[in-house]
Amino acid sequence: MNTKEAITIIKSKRFFSAEFIKKDGSVRYIRGMYGVSKHLKPNAKPQPYKPAERGYLTIWDMAKKEYRLLNTQTIITFNGQPIQK
């Protein structure tokens, strides 16, 4: 599986799991879903940039019950399969 296939599956709004490298170099495991808008706060500040333009996807993390940014360029595994660069 490659990164483009993983992004296509993520954007199909299915549950998924992935491991990726965070900005600080540590590895994070996430189980989540793309396109969740139920938990948005009405008084939240707008983001100063569009994450998609920088290669990030906004994901609802099911374990932490918070939104997370997933860097699509640093995905290591997706649904248990290694990502081929």
Protein backbone atom coordinates (compact mmCIF):
# COMPACT_ATOMS: atom_id res chain seq x y z
CA MET A 1 0.00 0.00 0.00
CA ASN A 2 1.24 3.50 -0.73
CA THR A 3 0.40 6.90 0.76
CA LYS A 4 -2.12 7.88 -1.94
CA GLU A 5 -4.13 4.68 -1.39
CA ALA A 6 -4.12 5.31 2.37
CA ILE A 7 -5.37 8.89 1.89
CA THR A 8 -8.17 7.65 -0.39
CA ILE A 9 -9.30 5.17 2.27
CA ILE A 10 -9.08 7.82 5.02
CA LYS A 11 -11.20 10.27 3.02
CA SER A 12 -13.85 7.59 2.40
CA LYS A 13 -14.87 8.28 6.03
CA ARG A 14 -14.21 4.79 7.33
CA PHE A 15 -12.53 3.93 10.60
CA PHE A 16 -8.81 3.33 10.24
CA SER A 17 -5.63 2.88 12.25
CA ALA A 18 -2.23 4.30 11.45
CA GLU A 19 1.20 4.87 12.89
CA PHE A 20 3.00 8.05 11.94
CA ILE A 21 5.97 10.15 13.03
CA LYS A 22 5.08 13.29 14.94
CA LYS A 23 6.89 16.62 14.57
CA ASP A 24 9.05 15.87 17.61
CA GLY A 25 10.23 12.57 16.06
CA SER A 26 8.19 10.23 18.25
CA VAL A 27 5.80 7.66 16.80
CA ARG A 28 2.06 7.96 17.43
CA TYR A 29 -0.61 5.31 16.92
CA ILE A 30 -4.02 6.68 15.99
CA ARG A 31 -7.36 4.99 15.49
CA GLY A 32 -9.81 7.41 14.07
CA MET A 33 -12.07 8.74 11.36
CA TYR A 34 -11.94 11.58 8.85
CA GLY A 35 -14.79 14.03 8.32
CA VAL A 36 -16.23 14.06 11.84
CA SER A 37 -17.81 17.43 12.63
CA LYS A 38 -20.02 16.51 15.57
CA HIS A 39 -17.52 17.65 18.21
CA LEU A 40 -16.60 21.05 16.76
CA LYS A 41 -16.88 23.88 19.26
CA PRO A 42 -19.07 26.77 18.09
CA ASN A 43 -16.78 29.41 19.63
CA ALA A 44 -13.48 27.93 18.40
CA LYS A 45 -10.99 30.17 16.63
CA PRO A 46 -10.49 29.43 12.93
CA GLN A 47 -7.21 27.76 12.02
CA PRO A 48 -4.60 30.24 10.78
CA TYR A 49 -3.81 27.98 7.80
CA LYS A 50 -5.43 25.18 5.83
CA PRO A 51 -3.91 21.88 7.03
CA ALA A 52 -4.62 20.12 3.71
CA GLU A 53 -2.34 22.57 1.89
CA ARG A 54 0.54 21.43 4.11
CA GLY A 55 -0.13 17.69 3.79
CA TYR A 56 -2.14 17.23 6.99
CA LEU A 57 -5.56 15.68 7.50
CA THR A 58 -7.79 16.54 10.47
CA ILE A 59 -8.77 13.25 12.13
CA TRP A 60 -11.08 12.46 15.04
CA ASP A 61 -9.00 10.33 17.46
CA MET A 62 -11.38 7.77 18.93
CA ALA A 63 -9.15 6.90 21.90
CA LYS A 64 -8.47 10.46 23.07
CA LYS A 65 -11.81 11.89 21.90
CA GLU A 66 -10.06 14.87 20.31
CA TYR A 67 -9.16 16.13 16.86
CA ARG A 68 -5.60 15.43 15.69
CA LEU A 69 -3.63 16.41 12.61
CA LEU A 70 -2.21 13.46 10.70
CA ASN A 71 0.86 14.22 8.59
CA THR A 72 0.27 12.15 5.47
CA GLN A 73 3.97 12.27 4.52
CA THR A 74 5.11 10.47 7.68
CA ILE A 75 2.67 7.53 7.81
CA ILE A 76 4.57 4.32 8.67
CA THR A 77 1.76 1.77 8.79
CA PHE A 78 -1.87 1.95 7.75
CA ASN A 79 -4.43 -0.62 8.95
CA GLY A 80 -1.53 -2.87 9.92
CA GLN A 81 0.20 -2.73 6.53
CA PRO A 82 3.51 -0.95 5.97
CA ILE A 83 3.44 2.08 3.68
CA GLN A 84 5.70 1.92 0.65
CA LYS A 85 7.24 5.27 -0.23
